[in-house]
Amino acid sequence: MKIFKLLLIFGLCASALFSLSVKAHHGWSEYEQTKLVKLSGKVTQNGYEHPHGFIKFDADGKEWIVILAPPFRMENRGLSKSDITAGSQVSVEGYINRTKLHEMRAERIMVNNKTIELR
């Protein structure tokens, strides 16, 4: 009986932790996935961190926030942190957020004469 109670408590704790981690990671449904948009501009800030990297850049007279892939994926596909530093010229193709103006999720980024697929 004591083992059953311990297994039950362990199962409940594991279930709670799993549901919190799933809830913490967002889905992509908040982005308009029917219209691929391409923007070009100069990077003003970058974040090469987990769970997703990001850049801020100026395009079309506006500051955009672009959600990138996780750092390990970007590095595996040839995009190093030094490629997207402040001042770098980039073009990004992706999907615009439905509710957050000037935010997009990148599908690919073009920098230093190379195209990196992020998804």
Protein backbone atom coordinates (compact mmCIF):
# COMPACT_ATOMS: atom_id res chain seq x y z
CA MET A 1 0.00 0.00 0.00
CA LYS A 2 2.87 2.36 0.84
CA ILE A 3 4.45 1.79 -2.58
CA PHE A 4 1.14 2.51 -4.28
CA LYS A 5 0.89 5.87 -2.48
CA LEU A 6 4.47 6.78 -3.43
CA LEU A 7 3.84 5.88 -7.07
CA LEU A 8 0.63 7.89 -7.05
CA ILE A 9 2.37 10.94 -5.59
CA PHE A 10 5.24 10.58 -8.06
CA GLY A 11 2.79 10.28 -10.97
CA LEU A 12 0.85 13.37 -9.89
CA CYS A 13 4.03 15.41 -9.51
CA ALA A 14 5.37 14.28 -12.88
CA SER A 15 2.04 15.06 -14.52
CA ALA A 16 1.97 18.55 -13.00
CA LEU A 17 5.52 19.31 -14.12
CA PHE A 18 4.84 18.06 -17.64
CA SER A 19 1.69 20.16 -18.00
CA LEU A 20 3.55 23.28 -16.81
CA SER A 21 6.35 22.75 -19.34
CA VAL A 22 3.86 22.22 -22.17
CA LYS A 23 1.92 25.33 -21.21
CA ALA A 24 5.12 27.40 -21.01
CA HIS A 25 5.98 26.71 -24.65
CA HIS A 26 3.76 28.60 -27.02
CA GLY A 27 2.22 27.35 -30.23
CA TRP A 28 2.54 28.99 -33.61
CA SER A 29 -1.20 29.52 -34.10
CA GLU A 30 -0.84 33.16 -33.08
CA TYR A 31 0.91 33.85 -36.40
CA GLU A 32 -0.87 34.39 -39.73
CA GLN A 33 0.39 31.36 -41.63
CA THR A 34 -1.38 32.04 -44.90
CA LYS A 35 0.74 35.04 -45.91
CA LEU A 36 4.52 34.75 -46.09
CA VAL A 37 6.08 38.21 -45.62
CA LYS A 38 9.62 39.28 -46.53
CA LEU A 39 11.27 42.21 -44.75
CA SER A 40 14.78 43.62 -44.98
CA GLY A 41 16.59 45.88 -42.60
CA LYS A 42 19.39 46.46 -40.14
CA VAL A 43 19.64 44.54 -36.85
CA THR A 44 19.44 46.75 -33.77
CA GLN A 45 19.47 43.99 -31.12
CA ASN A 46 19.85 40.23 -30.98
CA GLY A 47 19.16 37.55 -28.42
CA TYR A 48 20.70 34.17 -28.99
CA GLU A 49 18.94 32.39 -26.16
CA HIS A 50 16.54 29.59 -25.31
CA PRO A 51 13.87 28.63 -26.10
CA HIS A 52 14.08 30.82 -29.24
CA GLY A 53 16.50 33.42 -30.44
CA PHE A 54 15.26 36.79 -31.61
CA ILE A 55 16.36 39.89 -33.41
CA LYS A 56 14.99 43.39 -33.46
CA PHE A 57 15.51 45.24 -36.70
CA ASP A 58 14.31 48.29 -38.55
CA ALA A 59 12.33 47.64 -41.73
CA ASP A 60 9.83 49.81 -43.57
CA GLY A 61 10.34 52.59 -41.00
CA LYS A 62 9.27 50.35 -38.10
CA GLU A 63 11.07 48.31 -35.48
CA TRP A 64 10.25 44.61 -35.84
CA ILE A 65 10.78 41.76 -33.41
CA VAL A 66 11.56 38.51 -35.18
CA ILE A 67 11.30 35.20 -33.35
CA LEU A 68 14.00 32.85 -34.60
CA ALA A 69 14.71 29.16 -34.07
CA PRO A 70 16.41 27.75 -30.96
CA PRO A 71 20.16 28.56 -30.90
CA PHE A 72 21.27 24.93 -31.39
CA ARG A 73 19.18 24.68 -34.58
CA MET A 74 20.51 27.98 -35.93
CA GLU A 75 24.10 26.93 -35.28
CA ASN A 76 23.53 23.48 -36.83
CA ARG A 77 22.19 25.16 -39.95
CA GLY A 78 25.05 27.65 -40.23
CA LEU A 79 23.79 30.79 -38.47
CA SER A 80 26.21 31.85 -35.76
CA LYS A 81 25.57 34.53 -33.17
CA SER A 82 28.16 36.75 -34.86
CA ASP A 83 26.14 36.70 -38.11
CA ILE A 84 23.25 38.67 -36.60
CA THR A 85 24.90 41.32 -34.43
CA ALA A 86 23.72 44.92 -34.22
CA GLY A 87 24.35 46.62 -37.56
CA SER A 88 24.04 43.45 -39.66
CA GLN A 89 21.87 43.75 -42.76
CA VAL A 90 19.29 40.93 -42.91
CA SER A 91 16.26 39.83 -44.87
CA VAL A 92 13.70 37.70 -43.09
CA GLU A 93 10.80 35.67 -44.47
CA GLY A 94 8.11 34.67 -42.03
CA TYR A 95 4.64 35.10 -40.65
CA ILE A 96 3.29 38.15 -38.81
CA ASN A 97 1.73 37.83 -35.36
CA ARG A 98 -2.06 38.23 -35.42
CA THR A 99 -2.21 40.45 -32.33
CA LYS A 100 1.28 41.86 -31.68
CA LEU A 101 2.00 44.48 -34.29
CA HIS A 102 5.50 44.33 -35.75
CA GLU A 103 6.32 40.82 -34.54
CA MET A 104 6.97 37.92 -36.85
CA ARG A 105 8.06 34.28 -36.70
CA ALA A 106 10.92 33.65 -39.09
CA GLU A 107 10.93 30.76 -41.53
CA ARG A 108 14.26 31.75 -43.03
CA ILE A 109 16.83 34.49 -42.68
CA MET A 110 19.25 35.80 -45.27
CA VAL A 111 22.50 37.28 -44.00
CA ASN A 112 26.07 37.48 -45.33
CA ASN A 113 25.03 36.09 -48.74
CA LYS A 114 23.58 32.90 -47.25
CA THR A 115 20.03 31.71 -46.58
CA ILE A 116 19.34 29.75 -43.42
CA GLU A 117 16.13 27.71 -43.10
CA LEU A 118 14.95 28.00 -39.51
CA ARG A 119 11.96 25.64 -39.41
